[in-house]
Amino acid sequence: MHLSEATSPDHRSLSCPISTSSATERPEQAGTAVLRGRSTTFASQRLNTPKEYITIAYTEVPAEAWKESVFDTEIAPNVDKLLRKPQYSM
């Protein structure tokens, strides 16, 4: 999750969380809506940030491209920053 700064309508400085997720398969439409809603609510409550300031990105990556496109470029170089580290190795 990345945090950026924004100004609310009443000119308060707010952290704007941006969560990015990558997966080899996209859940069905109903599952995506549930994931989006629960992730937004969770981030809003835990970070004390209005839902309007939460952004969530979801990228589907072919399984054969996972290591090169995601693990090697996003996960491995940032392993010390991850809130939850992968329970697998590549």
PDB file of N, CA and C in Angstrom:
ATOM      1  N   MET A   1       0.852  -1.155   0.000  1.00  0.00           N
ATOM      2  CA  MET A   1       0.000   0.000   0.000  1.00  0.00           C
ATOM      3  C   MET A   1       0.899   1.219   0.000  1.00  0.00           C
ATOM      4  N   HIS A   2       0.603   2.148  -0.827  1.00  0.00           N
ATOM      5  CA  HIS A   2       1.340   3.402  -0.896  1.00  0.00           C
ATOM      6  C   HIS A   2       0.480   4.494  -0.271  1.00  0.00           C
ATOM      7  N   LEU A   3       1.116   5.478   0.300  1.00  0.00           N
ATOM      8  CA  LEU A   3       0.382   6.609   0.850  1.00  0.00           C
ATOM      9  C   LEU A   3       0.825   7.866   0.133  1.00  0.00           C
ATOM     10  N   SER A   4      -0.113   8.665  -0.260  1.00  0.00           N
ATOM     11  CA  SER A   4       0.193   9.961  -0.831  1.00  0.00           C
ATOM     12  C   SER A   4      -0.620  10.993  -0.069  1.00  0.00           C
ATOM     13  N   GLU A   5      -0.279  12.219  -0.221  1.00  0.00           N
ATOM     14  CA  GLU A   5      -0.975  13.273   0.510  1.00  0.00           C
ATOM     15  C   GLU A   5      -2.021  13.931  -0.381  1.00  0.00           C
ATOM     16  N   ALA A   6      -3.110  14.329   0.218  1.00  0.00           N
ATOM     17  CA  ALA A   6      -4.164  15.058  -0.483  1.00  0.00           C
ATOM     18  C   ALA A   6      -4.781  16.024   0.503  1.00  0.00           C
ATOM     19  N   THR A   7      -5.537  16.942  -0.008  1.00  0.00           N
ATOM     20  CA  THR A   7      -6.223  17.900   0.848  1.00  0.00           C
ATOM     21  C   THR A   7      -7.712  17.648   0.748  1.00  0.00           C
ATOM     22  N   SER A   8      -8.356  17.534   1.890  1.00  0.00           N
ATOM     23  CA  SER A   8      -9.789  17.289   1.918  1.00  0.00           C
ATOM     24  C   SER A   8     -10.528  18.581   1.589  1.00  0.00           C
ATOM     25  N   PRO A   9     -11.832  18.484   1.337  1.00  0.00           N
ATOM     26  CA  PRO A   9     -12.615  19.692   1.044  1.00  0.00           C
ATOM     27  C   PRO A   9     -12.526  20.744   2.145  1.00  0.00           C
ATOM     28  N   ASP A  10     -12.292  20.319   3.378  1.00  0.00           N
ATOM     29  CA  ASP A  10     -12.155  21.314   4.455  1.00  0.00           C
ATOM     30  C   ASP A  10     -10.684  21.671   4.707  1.00  0.00           C
ATOM     31  N   HIS A  11      -9.818  21.364   3.748  1.00  0.00           N
ATOM     32  CA  HIS A  11      -8.407  21.744   3.722  1.00  0.00           C
ATOM     33  C   HIS A  11      -7.540  21.042   4.752  1.00  0.00           C
ATOM     34  N   ARG A  12      -7.979  19.886   5.234  1.00  0.00           N
ATOM     35  CA  ARG A  12      -7.132  19.075   6.103  1.00  0.00           C
ATOM     36  C   ARG A  12      -6.233  18.219   5.229  1.00  0.00           C
ATOM     37  N   SER A  13      -5.029  17.977   5.686  1.00  0.00           N
ATOM     38  CA  SER A  13      -4.122  17.091   4.978  1.00  0.00           C
ATOM     39  C   SER A  13      -4.476  15.651   5.340  1.00  0.00           C
ATOM     40  N   LEU A  14      -4.633  14.808   4.334  1.00  0.00           N
ATOM     41  CA  LEU A  14      -5.015  13.418   4.552  1.00  0.00           C
ATOM     42  C   LEU A  14      -4.049  12.498   3.840  1.00  0.00           C
ATOM     43  N   SER A  15      -3.815  11.322   4.420  1.00  0.00           N
ATOM     44  CA  SER A  15      -3.077  10.283   3.720  1.00  0.00           C
ATOM     45  C   SER A  15      -4.044   9.579   2.785  1.00  0.00           C
ATOM     46  N   CYS A  16      -3.606   9.348   1.579  1.00  0.00           N
ATOM     47  CA  CYS A  16      -4.443   8.671   0.587  1.00  0.00           C
ATOM     48  C   CYS A  16      -3.809   7.321   0.263  1.00  0.00           C
ATOM     49  N   PRO A  17      -4.312   6.247   0.845  1.00  0.00           N
ATOM     50  CA  PRO A  17      -3.736   4.942   0.585  1.00  0.00           C
ATOM     51  C   PRO A  17      -4.060   4.452  -0.819  1.00  0.00           C
ATOM     52  N   ILE A  18      -3.073   3.844  -1.435  1.00  0.00           N
ATOM     53  CA  ILE A  18      -3.259   3.207  -2.732  1.00  0.00           C
ATOM     54  C   ILE A  18      -2.802   1.775  -2.564  1.00  0.00           C
ATOM     55  N   SER A  19      -3.699   0.832  -2.720  1.00  0.00           N
ATOM     56  CA  SER A  19      -3.374  -0.573  -2.587  1.00  0.00           C
ATOM     57  C   SER A  19      -3.317  -1.190  -3.972  1.00  0.00           C
ATOM     58  N   THR A  20      -2.258  -1.924  -4.247  1.00  0.00           N
ATOM     59  CA  THR A  20      -2.151  -2.599  -5.531  1.00  0.00           C
ATOM     60  C   THR A  20      -2.101  -4.098  -5.290  1.00  0.00           C
ATOM     61  N   SER A  21      -2.817  -4.837  -6.097  1.00  0.00           N
ATOM     62  CA  SER A  21      -2.848  -6.285  -6.007  1.00  0.00           C
ATOM     63  C   SER A  21      -2.646  -6.866  -7.385  1.00  0.00           C
ATOM     64  N   SER A  22      -1.922  -7.957  -7.434  1.00  0.00           N
ATOM     65  CA  SER A  22      -1.737  -8.685  -8.682  1.00  0.00           C
ATOM     66  C   SER A  22      -2.092 -10.136  -8.421  1.00  0.00           C
ATOM     67  N   ALA A  23      -2.712 -10.769  -9.387  1.00  0.00           N
ATOM     68  CA  ALA A  23      -3.103 -12.171  -9.233  1.00  0.00           C
ATOM     69  C   ALA A  23      -3.073 -12.847 -10.583  1.00  0.00           C
ATOM     70  N   THR A  24      -2.988 -14.173 -10.556  1.00  0.00           N
ATOM     71  CA  THR A  24      -2.976 -14.907 -11.821  1.00  0.00           C
ATOM     72  C   THR A  24      -4.372 -15.140 -12.362  1.00  0.00           C
ATOM     73  N   GLU A  25      -5.387 -14.980 -11.539  1.00  0.00           N
ATOM     74  CA  GLU A  25      -6.767 -15.121 -11.992  1.00  0.00           C
ATOM     75  C   GLU A  25      -7.636 -14.065 -11.345  1.00  0.00           C
ATOM     76  N   ARG A  26      -8.505 -13.459 -12.111  1.00  0.00           N
ATOM     77  CA  ARG A  26      -9.449 -12.479 -11.576  1.00  0.00           C
ATOM     78  C   ARG A  26     -10.665 -13.220 -11.041  1.00  0.00           C
ATOM     79  N   PRO A  27     -11.105 -12.873  -9.824  1.00  0.00           N
ATOM     80  CA  PRO A  27     -12.329 -13.497  -9.311  1.00  0.00           C
ATOM     81  C   PRO A  27     -13.523 -13.119 -10.186  1.00  0.00           C
ATOM     82  N   GLU A  28     -14.587 -13.911 -10.101  1.00  0.00           N
ATOM     83  CA  GLU A  28     -15.785 -13.565 -10.848  1.00  0.00           C
ATOM     84  C   GLU A  28     -16.269 -12.182 -10.419  1.00  0.00           C
ATOM     85  N   GLN A  29     -17.111 -11.588 -11.196  1.00  0.00           N
ATOM     86  CA  GLN A  29     -17.555 -10.203 -10.970  1.00  0.00           C
ATOM     87  C   GLN A  29     -18.052  -9.963  -9.547  1.00  0.00           C
ATOM     88  N   ALA A  30     -18.857 -10.862  -9.031  1.00  0.00           N
ATOM     89  CA  ALA A  30     -19.386 -10.700  -7.675  1.00  0.00           C
ATOM     90  C   ALA A  30     -18.256 -10.746  -6.654  1.00  0.00           C
ATOM     91  N   GLY A  31     -17.277 -11.624  -6.870  1.00  0.00           N
ATOM     92  CA  GLY A  31     -16.144 -11.721  -5.966  1.00  0.00           C
ATOM     93  C   GLY A  31     -15.289 -10.470  -5.990  1.00  0.00           C
ATOM     94  N   THR A  32     -15.147  -9.868  -7.161  1.00  0.00           N
ATOM     95  CA  THR A  32     -14.385  -8.626  -7.283  1.00  0.00           C
ATOM     96  C   THR A  32     -15.053  -7.503  -6.507  1.00  0.00           C
ATOM     97  N   ALA A  33     -16.367  -7.424  -6.585  1.00  0.00           N
ATOM     98  CA  ALA A  33     -17.105  -6.381  -5.866  1.00  0.00           C
ATOM     99  C   ALA A  33     -16.955  -6.559  -4.358  1.00  0.00           C
ATOM    100  N   VAL A  34     -17.013  -7.794  -3.880  1.00  0.00           N
ATOM    101  CA  VAL A  34     -16.844  -8.065  -2.451  1.00  0.00           C
ATOM    102  C   VAL A  34     -15.425  -7.700  -2.017  1.00  0.00           C
ATOM    103  N   LEU A  35     -14.426  -8.110  -2.789  1.00  0.00           N
ATOM    104  CA  LEU A  35     -13.033  -7.786  -2.476  1.00  0.00           C
ATOM    105  C   LEU A  35     -12.827  -6.273  -2.416  1.00  0.00           C
ATOM    106  N   ARG A  36     -13.357  -5.566  -3.388  1.00  0.00           N
ATOM    107  CA  ARG A  36     -13.233  -4.107  -3.436  1.00  0.00           C
ATOM    108  C   ARG A  36     -13.882  -3.463  -2.209  1.00  0.00           C
ATOM    109  N   GLY A  37     -15.090  -3.874  -1.885  1.00  0.00           N
ATOM    110  CA  GLY A  37     -15.814  -3.298  -0.755  1.00  0.00           C
ATOM    111  C   GLY A  37     -15.137  -3.573   0.577  1.00  0.00           C
ATOM    112  N   ARG A  38     -14.745  -4.811   0.796  1.00  0.00           N
ATOM    113  CA  ARG A  38     -14.103  -5.167   2.065  1.00  0.00           C
ATOM    114  C   ARG A  38     -12.726  -4.521   2.203  1.00  0.00           C
ATOM    115  N   SER A  39     -11.968  -4.480   1.116  1.00  0.00           N
ATOM    116  CA  SER A  39     -10.640  -3.858   1.164  1.00  0.00           C
ATOM    117  C   SER A  39     -10.757  -2.362   1.447  1.00  0.00           C
ATOM    118  N   THR A  40     -11.722  -1.721   0.830  1.00  0.00           N
ATOM    119  CA  THR A  40     -11.934  -0.286   1.039  1.00  0.00           C
ATOM    120  C   THR A  40     -12.330  -0.002   2.476  1.00  0.00           C
ATOM    121  N   THR A  41     -13.280  -0.761   2.995  1.00  0.00           N
ATOM    122  CA  THR A  41     -13.733  -0.564   4.371  1.00  0.00           C
ATOM    123  C   THR A  41     -12.597  -0.816   5.355  1.00  0.00           C
ATOM    124  N   PHE A  42     -11.859  -1.890   5.158  1.00  0.00           N
ATOM    125  CA  PHE A  42     -10.748  -2.215   6.051  1.00  0.00           C
ATOM    126  C   PHE A  42      -9.702  -1.099   6.055  1.00  0.00           C
ATOM    127  N   ALA A  43      -9.267  -0.665   4.874  1.00  0.00           N
ATOM    128  CA  ALA A  43      -8.246   0.387   4.790  1.00  0.00           C
ATOM    129  C   ALA A  43      -8.749   1.688   5.402  1.00  0.00           C
ATOM    130  N   SER A  44      -9.986   2.026   5.146  1.00  0.00           N
ATOM    131  CA  SER A  44     -10.562   3.257   5.679  1.00  0.00           C
ATOM    132  C   SER A  44     -10.566   3.243   7.206  1.00  0.00           C
ATOM    133  N   GLN A  45     -10.995   2.142   7.786  1.00  0.00           N
ATOM    134  CA  GLN A  45     -11.063   2.045   9.247  1.00  0.00           C
ATOM    135  C   GLN A  45      -9.684   2.008   9.877  1.00  0.00           C
ATOM    136  N   ARG A  46      -8.792   1.199   9.353  1.00  0.00           N
ATOM    137  CA  ARG A  46      -7.466   1.035   9.951  1.00  0.00           C
ATOM    138  C   ARG A  46      -6.590   2.268   9.793  1.00  0.00           C
ATOM    139  N   LEU A  47      -6.751   2.992   8.696  1.00  0.00           N
ATOM    140  CA  LEU A  47      -5.907   4.159   8.441  1.00  0.00           C
ATOM    141  C   LEU A  47      -6.597   5.465   8.800  1.00  0.00           C
ATOM    142  N   ASN A  48      -7.835   5.354   9.302  1.00  0.00           N
ATOM    143  CA  ASN A  48      -8.609   6.531   9.680  1.00  0.00           C
ATOM    144  C   ASN A  48      -8.666   7.552   8.534  1.00  0.00           C
ATOM    145  N   THR A  49      -9.006   7.046   7.368  1.00  0.00           N
ATOM    146  CA  THR A  49      -9.074   7.845   6.147  1.00  0.00           C
ATOM    147  C   THR A  49     -10.442   7.632   5.513  1.00  0.00           C
ATOM    148  N   PRO A  50     -11.108   8.687   5.055  1.00  0.00           N
ATOM    149  CA  PRO A  50     -12.408   8.505   4.403  1.00  0.00           C
ATOM    150  C   PRO A  50     -12.308   7.573   3.188  1.00  0.00           C
ATOM    151  N   LYS A  51     -13.354   6.798   2.970  1.00  0.00           N
ATOM    152  CA  LYS A  51     -13.382   5.867   1.835  1.00  0.00           C
ATOM    153  C   LYS A  51     -13.128   6.567   0.504  1.00  0.00           C
ATOM    154  N   GLU A  52     -13.537   7.823   0.404  1.00  0.00           N
ATOM    155  CA  GLU A  52     -13.372   8.564  -0.849  1.00  0.00           C
ATOM    156  C   GLU A  52     -11.898   8.727  -1.229  1.00  0.00           C
ATOM    157  N   TYR A  53     -11.007   8.566  -0.260  1.00  0.00           N
ATOM    158  CA  TYR A  53      -9.579   8.762  -0.496  1.00  0.00           C
ATOM    159  C   TYR A  53      -8.827   7.443  -0.672  1.00  0.00           C
ATOM    160  N   ILE A  54      -9.536   6.328  -0.704  1.00  0.00           N
ATOM    161  CA  ILE A  54      -8.924   5.014  -0.880  1.00  0.00           C
ATOM    162  C   ILE A  54      -8.957   4.653  -2.362  1.00  0.00           C
ATOM    163  N   THR A  55      -7.815   4.205  -2.882  1.00  0.00           N
ATOM    164  CA  THR A  55      -7.723   3.752  -4.269  1.00  0.00           C
ATOM    165  C   THR A  55      -7.165   2.335  -4.266  1.00  0.00           C
ATOM    166  N   ILE A  56      -7.801   1.447  -5.019  1.00  0.00           N
ATOM    167  CA  ILE A  56      -7.361   0.064  -5.086  1.00  0.00           C
ATOM    168  C   ILE A  56      -7.180  -0.321  -6.552  1.00  0.00           C
ATOM    169  N   ALA A  57      -5.995  -0.820  -6.878  1.00  0.00           N
ATOM    170  CA  ALA A  57      -5.715  -1.288  -8.235  1.00  0.00           C
ATOM    171  C   ALA A  57      -5.603  -2.808  -8.216  1.00  0.00           C
ATOM    172  N   TYR A  58      -6.134  -3.451  -9.239  1.00  0.00           N
ATOM    173  CA  TYR A  58      -6.068  -4.905  -9.352  1.00  0.00           C
ATOM    174  C   TYR A  58      -5.595  -5.231 -10.760  1.00  0.00           C
ATOM    175  N   THR A  59      -4.526  -5.997 -10.848  1.00  0.00           N
ATOM    176  CA  THR A  59      -3.972  -6.349 -12.150  1.00  0.00           C
ATOM    177  C   THR A  59      -3.903  -7.857 -12.293  1.00  0.00           C
ATOM    178  N   GLU A  60      -4.471  -8.366 -13.360  1.00  0.00           N
ATOM    179  CA  GLU A  60      -4.385  -9.795 -13.641  1.00  0.00           C
ATOM    180  C   GLU A  60      -3.117 -10.046 -14.438  1.00  0.00           C
ATOM    181  N   VAL A  61      -2.307 -10.985 -13.978  1.00  0.00           N
ATOM    182  CA  VAL A  61      -1.034 -11.307 -14.615  1.00  0.00           C
ATOM    183  C   VAL A  61      -1.047 -12.787 -14.987  1.00  0.00           C
ATOM    184  N   PRO A  62      -0.714 -13.132 -16.228  1.00  0.00           N
ATOM    185  CA  PRO A  62      -0.664 -14.547 -16.600  1.00  0.00           C
ATOM    186  C   PRO A  62       0.319 -15.306 -15.698  1.00  0.00           C
ATOM    187  N   ALA A  63      -0.027 -16.522 -15.304  1.00  0.00           N
ATOM    188  CA  ALA A  63       0.799 -17.306 -14.384  1.00  0.00           C
ATOM    189  C   ALA A  63       2.236 -17.428 -14.870  1.00  0.00           C
ATOM    190  N   GLU A  64       2.427 -17.605 -16.154  1.00  0.00           N
ATOM    191  CA  GLU A  64       3.783 -17.781 -16.682  1.00  0.00           C
ATOM    192  C   GLU A  64       4.614 -16.499 -16.629  1.00  0.00           C
ATOM    193  N   ALA A  65       3.963 -15.360 -16.432  1.00  0.00           N
ATOM    194  CA  ALA A  65       4.674 -14.078 -16.353  1.00  0.00           C
ATOM    195  C   ALA A  65       4.828 -13.576 -14.918  1.00  0.00           C
ATOM    196  N   TRP A  66       4.273 -14.303 -13.937  1.00  0.00           N
ATOM    197  CA  TRP A  66       4.249 -13.847 -12.549  1.00  0.00           C
ATOM    198  C   TRP A  66       5.645 -13.543 -12.006  1.00  0.00           C
ATOM    199  N   LYS A  67       6.565 -14.473 -12.152  1.00  0.00           N
ATOM    200  CA  LYS A  67       7.897 -14.286 -11.571  1.00  0.00           C
ATOM    201  C   LYS A  67       8.576 -13.051 -12.139  1.00  0.00           C
ATOM    202  N   GLU A  68       8.604 -12.927 -13.432  1.00  0.00           N
ATOM    203  CA  GLU A  68       9.297 -11.799 -14.069  1.00  0.00           C
ATOM    204  C   GLU A  68       8.553 -10.473 -13.872  1.00  0.00           C
ATOM    205  N   SER A  69       7.239 -10.485 -14.013  1.00  0.00           N
ATOM    206  CA  SER A  69       6.471  -9.237 -13.977  1.00  0.00           C
ATOM    207  C   SER A  69       6.149  -8.735 -12.576  1.00  0.00           C
ATOM    208  N   VAL A  70       5.994  -9.639 -11.621  1.00  0.00           N
ATOM    209  CA  VAL A  70       5.552  -9.230 -10.287  1.00  0.00           C
ATOM    210  C   VAL A  70       6.594  -9.566  -9.213  1.00  0.00           C
ATOM    211  N   PHE A  71       6.949 -10.832  -9.107  1.00  0.00           N
ATOM    212  CA  PHE A  71       7.845 -11.235  -8.021  1.00  0.00           C
ATOM    213  C   PHE A  71       9.201 -10.534  -8.115  1.00  0.00           C
ATOM    214  N   ASP A  72       9.841 -10.592  -9.266  1.00  0.00           N
ATOM    215  CA  ASP A  72      11.183 -10.026  -9.412  1.00  0.00           C
ATOM    216  C   ASP A  72      11.204  -8.499  -9.377  1.00  0.00           C
ATOM    217  N   THR A  73      10.124  -7.861  -9.788  1.00  0.00           N
ATOM    218  CA  THR A  73      10.131  -6.393  -9.883  1.00  0.00           C
ATOM    219  C   THR A  73       9.454  -5.681  -8.726  1.00  0.00           C
ATOM    220  N   GLU A  74       8.453  -6.316  -8.100  1.00  0.00           N
ATOM    221  CA  GLU A  74       7.705  -5.645  -7.041  1.00  0.00           C
ATOM    222  C   GLU A  74       7.865  -6.282  -5.665  1.00  0.00           C
ATOM    223  N   ILE A  75       7.906  -7.593  -5.618  1.00  0.00           N
ATOM    224  CA  ILE A  75       7.951  -8.276  -4.322  1.00  0.00           C
ATOM    225  C   ILE A  75       9.374  -8.379  -3.785  1.00  0.00           C
ATOM    226  N   ALA A  76      10.265  -9.032  -4.506  1.00  0.00           N
ATOM    227  CA  ALA A  76      11.632  -9.259  -4.019  1.00  0.00           C
ATOM    228  C   ALA A  76      12.369  -7.968  -3.658  1.00  0.00           C
ATOM    229  N   PRO A  77      12.338  -6.915  -4.487  1.00  0.00           N
ATOM    230  CA  PRO A  77      13.076  -5.703  -4.122  1.00  0.00           C
ATOM    231  C   PRO A  77      12.488  -4.952  -2.927  1.00  0.00           C
ATOM    232  N   ASN A  78      11.242  -5.238  -2.574  1.00  0.00           N
ATOM    233  CA  ASN A  78      10.559  -4.520  -1.493  1.00  0.00           C
ATOM    234  C   ASN A  78      10.214  -5.404  -0.310  1.00  0.00           C
ATOM    235  N   VAL A  79      10.852  -6.554  -0.197  1.00  0.00           N
ATOM    236  CA  VAL A  79      10.471  -7.526   0.826  1.00  0.00           C
ATOM    237  C   VAL A  79      10.532  -6.936   2.237  1.00  0.00           C
ATOM    238  N   ASP A  80      11.451  -6.030   2.501  1.00  0.00           N
ATOM    239  CA  ASP A  80      11.542  -5.425   3.833  1.00  0.00           C
ATOM    240  C   ASP A  80      10.394  -4.474   4.135  1.00  0.00           C
ATOM    241  N   LYS A  81       9.695  -4.002   3.125  1.00  0.00           N
ATOM    242  CA  LYS A  81       8.588  -3.062   3.293  1.00  0.00           C
ATOM    243  C   LYS A  81       7.225  -3.748   3.342  1.00  0.00           C
ATOM    244  N   LEU A  82       7.167  -5.013   2.998  1.00  0.00           N
ATOM    245  CA  LEU A  82       5.896  -5.720   2.905  1.00  0.00           C
ATOM    246  C   LEU A  82       5.301  -5.953   4.285  1.00  0.00           C
ATOM    247  N   LEU A  83       4.014  -5.676   4.436  1.00  0.00           N
ATOM    248  CA  LEU A  83       3.324  -5.967   5.684  1.00  0.00           C
ATOM    249  C   LEU A  83       3.196  -7.474   5.885  1.00  0.00           C
ATOM    250  N   ARG A  84       3.015  -8.185   4.802  1.00  0.00           N
ATOM    251  CA  ARG A  84       2.984  -9.652   4.838  1.00  0.00           C
ATOM    252  C   ARG A  84       3.902 -10.148   3.743  1.00  0.00           C
ATOM    253  N   LYS A  85       4.922 -10.880   4.155  1.00  0.00           N
ATOM    254  CA  LYS A  85       5.904 -11.378   3.218  1.00  0.00           C
ATOM    255  C   LYS A  85       5.377 -12.659   2.563  1.00  0.00           C
ATOM    256  N   PRO A  86       5.818 -12.939   1.329  1.00  0.00           N
ATOM    257  CA  PRO A  86       5.343 -14.156   0.660  1.00  0.00           C
ATOM    258  C   PRO A  86       5.761 -15.398   1.430  1.00  0.00           C
ATOM    259  N   GLN A  87       4.912 -16.380   1.415  1.00  0.00           N
ATOM    260  CA  GLN A  87       5.186 -17.651   2.067  1.00  0.00           C
ATOM    261  C   GLN A  87       5.678 -18.670   1.036  1.00  0.00           C
ATOM    262  N   TYR A  88       6.258 -18.180  -0.042  1.00  0.00           N
ATOM    263  CA  TYR A  88       6.780 -19.019  -1.116  1.00  0.00           C
ATOM    264  C   TYR A  88       8.060 -18.386  -1.614  1.00  0.00           C
ATOM    265  N   SER A  89       8.838 -19.141  -2.355  1.00  0.00           N
ATOM    266  CA  SER A  89      10.046 -18.588  -2.967  1.00  0.00           C
ATOM    267  C   SER A  89      10.025 -18.925  -4.453  1.00  0.00           C
ATOM    268  N   MET A  90      10.755 -18.160  -5.187  1.00  0.00           N
ATOM    269  CA  MET A  90      10.803 -18.375  -6.635  1.00  0.00           C
ATOM    270  C   MET A  90      12.244 -18.392  -7.092  1.00  0.00           C
TER     271      MET A  90
END
